[in-house]
Amino acid sequence: MSLGHESLVWAIATPLIGAVGIGLTGRWPNMREAVTLATATILIALVFAWVPLVLEGERP
C-alpha cells in the first residue's frame, strides 16, 4: 500500500468540505457541531491510516 495521490487530495479536501458544511449549517448550532466532529473524525482517520507507511520510510 502506498500514499496515493487520491488520499492526499482527500486530506486537503476534507477540511474545505467541512468548512462549507459548517457555513451551510450556521443557523443550527447542534448540526454545526456535528459537521465539525464528522470532519475531524474523517481527517484523523485519513492521517492515522498513513502512520504505518510513514514510519516505514515512505514519503507523502
PDB file of N, CA and C in Angstrom:
ATOM      1  N   MET A   1       0.853  -1.188   0.000  1.00  0.00           N
ATOM      2  CA  MET A   1       0.000   0.000   0.000  1.00  0.00           C
ATOM      3  C   MET A   1       0.890   1.239   0.000  1.00  0.00           C
ATOM      4  N   SER A   2       0.472   2.245  -0.720  1.00  0.00           N
ATOM      5  CA  SER A   2       1.268   3.466  -0.774  1.00  0.00           C
ATOM      6  C   SER A   2       0.366   4.673  -0.559  1.00  0.00           C
ATOM      7  N   LEU A   3       1.018   5.778  -0.300  1.00  0.00           N
ATOM      8  CA  LEU A   3       0.287   7.028  -0.137  1.00  0.00           C
ATOM      9  C   LEU A   3      -0.053   7.552  -1.521  1.00  0.00           C
ATOM     10  N   GLY A   4      -1.206   7.204  -1.997  1.00  0.00           N
ATOM     11  CA  GLY A   4      -1.601   7.606  -3.329  1.00  0.00           C
ATOM     12  C   GLY A   4      -2.017   9.062  -3.398  1.00  0.00           C
ATOM     13  N   HIS A   5      -2.044   9.531  -4.611  1.00  0.00           N
ATOM     14  CA  HIS A   5      -2.450  10.907  -4.880  1.00  0.00           C
ATOM     15  C   HIS A   5      -3.857  11.165  -4.350  1.00  0.00           C
ATOM     16  N   GLU A   6      -4.723  10.184  -4.505  1.00  0.00           N
ATOM     17  CA  GLU A   6      -6.120  10.364  -4.106  1.00  0.00           C
ATOM     18  C   GLU A   6      -6.268  10.597  -2.602  1.00  0.00           C
ATOM     19  N   SER A   7      -5.543   9.850  -1.793  1.00  0.00           N
ATOM     20  CA  SER A   7      -5.666  10.024  -0.347  1.00  0.00           C
ATOM     21  C   SER A   7      -5.117  11.375   0.106  1.00  0.00           C
ATOM     22  N   LEU A   8      -4.091  11.859  -0.570  1.00  0.00           N
ATOM     23  CA  LEU A   8      -3.563  13.180  -0.229  1.00  0.00           C
ATOM     24  C   LEU A   8      -4.545  14.283  -0.608  1.00  0.00           C
ATOM     25  N   VAL A   9      -5.213  14.110  -1.731  1.00  0.00           N
ATOM     26  CA  VAL A   9      -6.222  15.089  -2.151  1.00  0.00           C
ATOM     27  C   VAL A   9      -7.378  15.109  -1.151  1.00  0.00           C
ATOM     28  N   TRP A  10      -7.796  13.925  -0.694  1.00  0.00           N
ATOM     29  CA  TRP A  10      -8.883  13.872   0.291  1.00  0.00           C
ATOM     30  C   TRP A  10      -8.483  14.542   1.601  1.00  0.00           C
ATOM     31  N   ALA A  11      -7.225  14.426   1.978  1.00  0.00           N
ATOM     32  CA  ALA A  11      -6.766  15.062   3.215  1.00  0.00           C
ATOM     33  C   ALA A  11      -6.833  16.583   3.120  1.00  0.00           C
ATOM     34  N   ILE A  12      -6.652  17.104   1.936  1.00  0.00           N
ATOM     35  CA  ILE A  12      -6.763  18.551   1.738  1.00  0.00           C
ATOM     36  C   ILE A  12      -8.221  18.962   1.553  1.00  0.00           C
ATOM     37  N   ALA A  13      -8.991  18.136   0.855  1.00  0.00           N
ATOM     38  CA  ALA A  13     -10.379  18.479   0.547  1.00  0.00           C
ATOM     39  C   ALA A  13     -11.300  18.350   1.759  1.00  0.00           C
ATOM     40  N   THR A  14     -10.994  17.445   2.670  1.00  0.00           N
ATOM     41  CA  THR A  14     -11.880  17.207   3.815  1.00  0.00           C
ATOM     42  C   THR A  14     -12.131  18.469   4.642  1.00  0.00           C
ATOM     43  N   PRO A  15     -11.111  19.212   5.062  1.00  0.00           N
ATOM     44  CA  PRO A  15     -11.397  20.438   5.818  1.00  0.00           C
ATOM     45  C   PRO A  15     -12.145  21.490   4.993  1.00  0.00           C
ATOM     46  N   LEU A  16     -11.868  21.541   3.701  1.00  0.00           N
ATOM     47  CA  LEU A  16     -12.578  22.506   2.854  1.00  0.00           C
ATOM     48  C   LEU A  16     -14.057  22.151   2.747  1.00  0.00           C
ATOM     49  N   ILE A  17     -14.344  20.877   2.560  1.00  0.00           N
ATOM     50  CA  ILE A  17     -15.741  20.427   2.509  1.00  0.00           C
ATOM     51  C   ILE A  17     -16.410  20.665   3.861  1.00  0.00           C
ATOM     52  N   GLY A  18     -15.674  20.399   4.940  1.00  0.00           N
ATOM     53  CA  GLY A  18     -16.210  20.649   6.274  1.00  0.00           C
ATOM     54  C   GLY A  18     -16.515  22.118   6.506  1.00  0.00           C
ATOM     55  N   ALA A  19     -15.661  22.994   6.006  1.00  0.00           N
ATOM     56  CA  ALA A  19     -15.897  24.432   6.164  1.00  0.00           C
ATOM     57  C   ALA A  19     -17.168  24.861   5.444  1.00  0.00           C
ATOM     58  N   VAL A  20     -17.388  24.306   4.266  1.00  0.00           N
ATOM     59  CA  VAL A  20     -18.624  24.610   3.536  1.00  0.00           C
ATOM     60  C   VAL A  20     -19.824  24.101   4.326  1.00  0.00           C
ATOM     61  N   GLY A  21     -19.704  22.887   4.860  1.00  0.00           N
ATOM     62  CA  GLY A  21     -20.795  22.331   5.665  1.00  0.00           C
ATOM     63  C   GLY A  21     -21.081  23.159   6.898  1.00  0.00           C
ATOM     64  N   ILE A  22     -20.036  23.643   7.540  1.00  0.00           N
ATOM     65  CA  ILE A  22     -20.218  24.495   8.715  1.00  0.00           C
ATOM     66  C   ILE A  22     -20.904  25.797   8.319  1.00  0.00           C
ATOM     67  N   GLY A  23     -20.508  26.348   7.195  1.00  0.00           N
ATOM     68  CA  GLY A  23     -21.147  27.574   6.719  1.00  0.00           C
ATOM     69  C   GLY A  23     -22.618  27.378   6.396  1.00  0.00           C
ATOM     70  N   LEU A  24     -22.945  26.225   5.827  1.00  0.00           N
ATOM     71  CA  LEU A  24     -24.337  25.948   5.466  1.00  0.00           C
ATOM     72  C   LEU A  24     -25.212  25.656   6.680  1.00  0.00           C
ATOM     73  N   THR A  25     -24.620  25.214   7.772  1.00  0.00           N
ATOM     74  CA  THR A  25     -25.394  24.882   8.973  1.00  0.00           C
ATOM     75  C   THR A  25     -25.217  25.930  10.067  1.00  0.00           C
ATOM     76  N   GLY A  26     -24.844  27.120   9.691  1.00  0.00           N
ATOM     77  CA  GLY A  26     -24.558  28.179  10.651  1.00  0.00           C
ATOM     78  C   GLY A  26     -25.695  28.532  11.583  1.00  0.00           C
ATOM     79  N   ARG A  27     -26.928  28.357  11.147  1.00  0.00           N
ATOM     80  CA  ARG A  27     -28.074  28.737  11.973  1.00  0.00           C
ATOM     81  C   ARG A  27     -28.419  27.689  13.025  1.00  0.00           C
ATOM     82  N   TRP A  28     -27.900  26.478  12.857  1.00  0.00           N
ATOM     83  CA  TRP A  28     -28.235  25.365  13.742  1.00  0.00           C
ATOM     84  C   TRP A  28     -26.979  24.891  14.480  1.00  0.00           C
ATOM     85  N   PRO A  29     -26.803  25.336  15.720  1.00  0.00           N
ATOM     86  CA  PRO A  29     -25.556  25.053  16.436  1.00  0.00           C
ATOM     87  C   PRO A  29     -25.262  23.555  16.602  1.00  0.00           C
ATOM     88  N   ASN A  30     -26.272  22.745  16.887  1.00  0.00           N
ATOM     89  CA  ASN A  30     -26.019  21.312  17.065  1.00  0.00           C
ATOM     90  C   ASN A  30     -25.588  20.659  15.760  1.00  0.00           C
ATOM     91  N   MET A  31     -26.209  21.032  14.666  1.00  0.00           N
ATOM     92  CA  MET A  31     -25.828  20.482  13.366  1.00  0.00           C
ATOM     93  C   MET A  31     -24.425  20.951  12.985  1.00  0.00           C
ATOM     94  N   ARG A  32     -24.124  22.195  13.298  1.00  0.00           N
ATOM     95  CA  ARG A  32     -22.791  22.737  13.021  1.00  0.00           C
ATOM     96  C   ARG A  32     -21.724  21.948  13.781  1.00  0.00           C
ATOM     97  N   GLU A  33     -21.990  21.630  15.036  1.00  0.00           N
ATOM     98  CA  GLU A  33     -21.046  20.832  15.826  1.00  0.00           C
ATOM     99  C   GLU A  33     -20.920  19.417  15.269  1.00  0.00           C
ATOM    100  N   ALA A  34     -22.010  18.851  14.791  1.00  0.00           N
ATOM    101  CA  ALA A  34     -21.961  17.511  14.197  1.00  0.00           C
ATOM    102  C   ALA A  34     -21.086  17.505  12.948  1.00  0.00           C
ATOM    103  N   VAL A  35     -21.210  18.540  12.128  1.00  0.00           N
ATOM    104  CA  VAL A  35     -20.376  18.645  10.927  1.00  0.00           C
ATOM    105  C   VAL A  35     -18.909  18.795  11.325  1.00  0.00           C
ATOM    106  N   THR A  36     -18.648  19.585  12.343  1.00  0.00           N
ATOM    107  CA  THR A  36     -17.276  19.769  12.817  1.00  0.00           C
ATOM    108  C   THR A  36     -16.676  18.450  13.296  1.00  0.00           C
ATOM    109  N   LEU A  37     -17.420  17.709  14.094  1.00  0.00           N
ATOM    110  CA  LEU A  37     -16.920  16.437  14.613  1.00  0.00           C
ATOM    111  C   LEU A  37     -16.754  15.399  13.509  1.00  0.00           C
ATOM    112  N   ALA A  38     -17.674  15.365  12.566  1.00  0.00           N
ATOM    113  CA  ALA A  38     -17.554  14.423  11.450  1.00  0.00           C
ATOM    114  C   ALA A  38     -16.323  14.740  10.607  1.00  0.00           C
ATOM    115  N   THR A  39     -16.103  16.012  10.344  1.00  0.00           N
ATOM    116  CA  THR A  39     -14.933  16.422   9.565  1.00  0.00           C
ATOM    117  C   THR A  39     -13.644  16.042  10.286  1.00  0.00           C
ATOM    118  N   ALA A  40     -13.585  16.307  11.570  1.00  0.00           N
ATOM    119  CA  ALA A  40     -12.390  15.974  12.347  1.00  0.00           C
ATOM    120  C   ALA A  40     -12.153  14.468  12.387  1.00  0.00           C
ATOM    121  N   THR A  41     -13.216  13.688  12.524  1.00  0.00           N
ATOM    122  CA  THR A  41     -13.090  12.231  12.568  1.00  0.00           C
ATOM    123  C   THR A  41     -12.566  11.681  11.252  1.00  0.00           C
ATOM    124  N   ILE A  42     -13.094  12.171  10.159  1.00  0.00           N
ATOM    125  CA  ILE A  42     -12.642  11.717   8.842  1.00  0.00           C
ATOM    126  C   ILE A  42     -11.180  12.089   8.624  1.00  0.00           C
ATOM    127  N   LEU A  43     -10.817  13.303   8.982  1.00  0.00           N
ATOM    128  CA  LEU A  43      -9.437  13.747   8.781  1.00  0.00           C
ATOM    129  C   LEU A  43      -8.455  12.946   9.637  1.00  0.00           C
ATOM    130  N   ILE A  44      -8.795  12.694  10.880  1.00  0.00           N
ATOM    131  CA  ILE A  44      -7.881  11.938  11.738  1.00  0.00           C
ATOM    132  C   ILE A  44      -7.778  10.493  11.262  1.00  0.00           C
ATOM    133  N   ALA A  45      -8.855   9.932  10.718  1.00  0.00           N
ATOM    134  CA  ALA A  45      -8.794   8.573  10.168  1.00  0.00           C
ATOM    135  C   ALA A  45      -7.861   8.521   8.960  1.00  0.00           C
ATOM    136  N   LEU A  46      -7.922   9.535   8.115  1.00  0.00           N
ATOM    137  CA  LEU A  46      -7.015   9.594   6.967  1.00  0.00           C
ATOM    138  C   LEU A  46      -5.559   9.668   7.419  1.00  0.00           C
ATOM    139  N   VAL A  47      -5.296  10.514   8.377  1.00  0.00           N
ATOM    140  CA  VAL A  47      -3.920  10.692   8.848  1.00  0.00           C
ATOM    141  C   VAL A  47      -3.423   9.434   9.551  1.00  0.00           C
ATOM    142  N   PHE A  48      -4.240   8.827  10.393  1.00  0.00           N
ATOM    143  CA  PHE A  48      -3.820   7.610  11.094  1.00  0.00           C
ATOM    144  C   PHE A  48      -3.578   6.459  10.130  1.00  0.00           C
ATOM    145  N   ALA A  49      -4.262   6.444   9.003  1.00  0.00           N
ATOM    146  CA  ALA A  49      -4.033   5.397   8.006  1.00  0.00           C
ATOM    147  C   ALA A  49      -2.636   5.521   7.401  1.00  0.00           C
ATOM    148  N   TRP A  50      -2.071   6.709   7.413  1.00  0.00           N
ATOM    149  CA  TRP A  50      -0.733   6.930   6.843  1.00  0.00           C
ATOM    150  C   TRP A  50       0.389   6.614   7.816  1.00  0.00           C
ATOM    151  N   VAL A  51       0.109   6.583   9.099  1.00  0.00           N
ATOM    152  CA  VAL A  51       1.165   6.448  10.106  1.00  0.00           C
ATOM    153  C   VAL A  51       2.059   5.236   9.856  1.00  0.00           C
ATOM    154  N   PRO A  52       1.522   4.037   9.657  1.00  0.00           N
ATOM    155  CA  PRO A  52       2.425   2.894   9.433  1.00  0.00           C
ATOM    156  C   PRO A  52       3.306   3.069   8.196  1.00  0.00           C
ATOM    157  N   LEU A  53       2.746   3.652   7.157  1.00  0.00           N
ATOM    158  CA  LEU A  53       3.512   3.843   5.928  1.00  0.00           C
ATOM    159  C   LEU A  53       4.645   4.847   6.123  1.00  0.00           C
ATOM    160  N   VAL A  54       4.360   5.919   6.810  1.00  0.00           N
ATOM    161  CA  VAL A  54       5.386   6.939   7.045  1.00  0.00           C
ATOM    162  C   VAL A  54       6.466   6.397   7.981  1.00  0.00           C
ATOM    163  N   LEU A  55       6.067   5.610   8.964  1.00  0.00           N
ATOM    164  CA  LEU A  55       7.055   5.026   9.871  1.00  0.00           C
ATOM    165  C   LEU A  55       7.967   4.029   9.157  1.00  0.00           C
ATOM    166  N   GLU A  56       7.494   3.443   8.062  1.00  0.00           N
ATOM    167  CA  GLU A  56       8.326   2.548   7.257  1.00  0.00           C
ATOM    168  C   GLU A  56       9.266   3.316   6.337  1.00  0.00           C
ATOM    169  N   GLY A  57       9.112   4.633   6.286  1.00  0.00           N
ATOM    170  CA  GLY A  57      10.025   5.451   5.499  1.00  0.00           C
ATOM    171  C   GLY A  57       9.437   6.035   4.231  1.00  0.00           C
ATOM    172  N   GLU A  58       8.170   5.752   3.966  1.00  0.00           N
ATOM    173  CA  GLU A  58       7.554   6.308   2.766  1.00  0.00           C
ATOM    174  C   GLU A  58       7.265   7.790   2.976  1.00  0.00           C
ATOM    175  N   ARG A  59       7.363   8.542   1.904  1.00  0.00           N
ATOM    176  CA  ARG A  59       7.110   9.982   1.980  1.00  0.00           C
ATOM    177  C   ARG A  59       5.749  10.297   1.386  1.00  0.00           C
ATOM    178  N   PRO A  60       5.035  11.236   1.995  1.00  0.00           N
ATOM    179  CA  PRO A  60       3.733  11.630   1.431  1.00  0.00           C
ATOM    180  C   PRO A  60       3.882  12.425   0.153  1.00  0.00           C
TER     181      PRO A  60
END
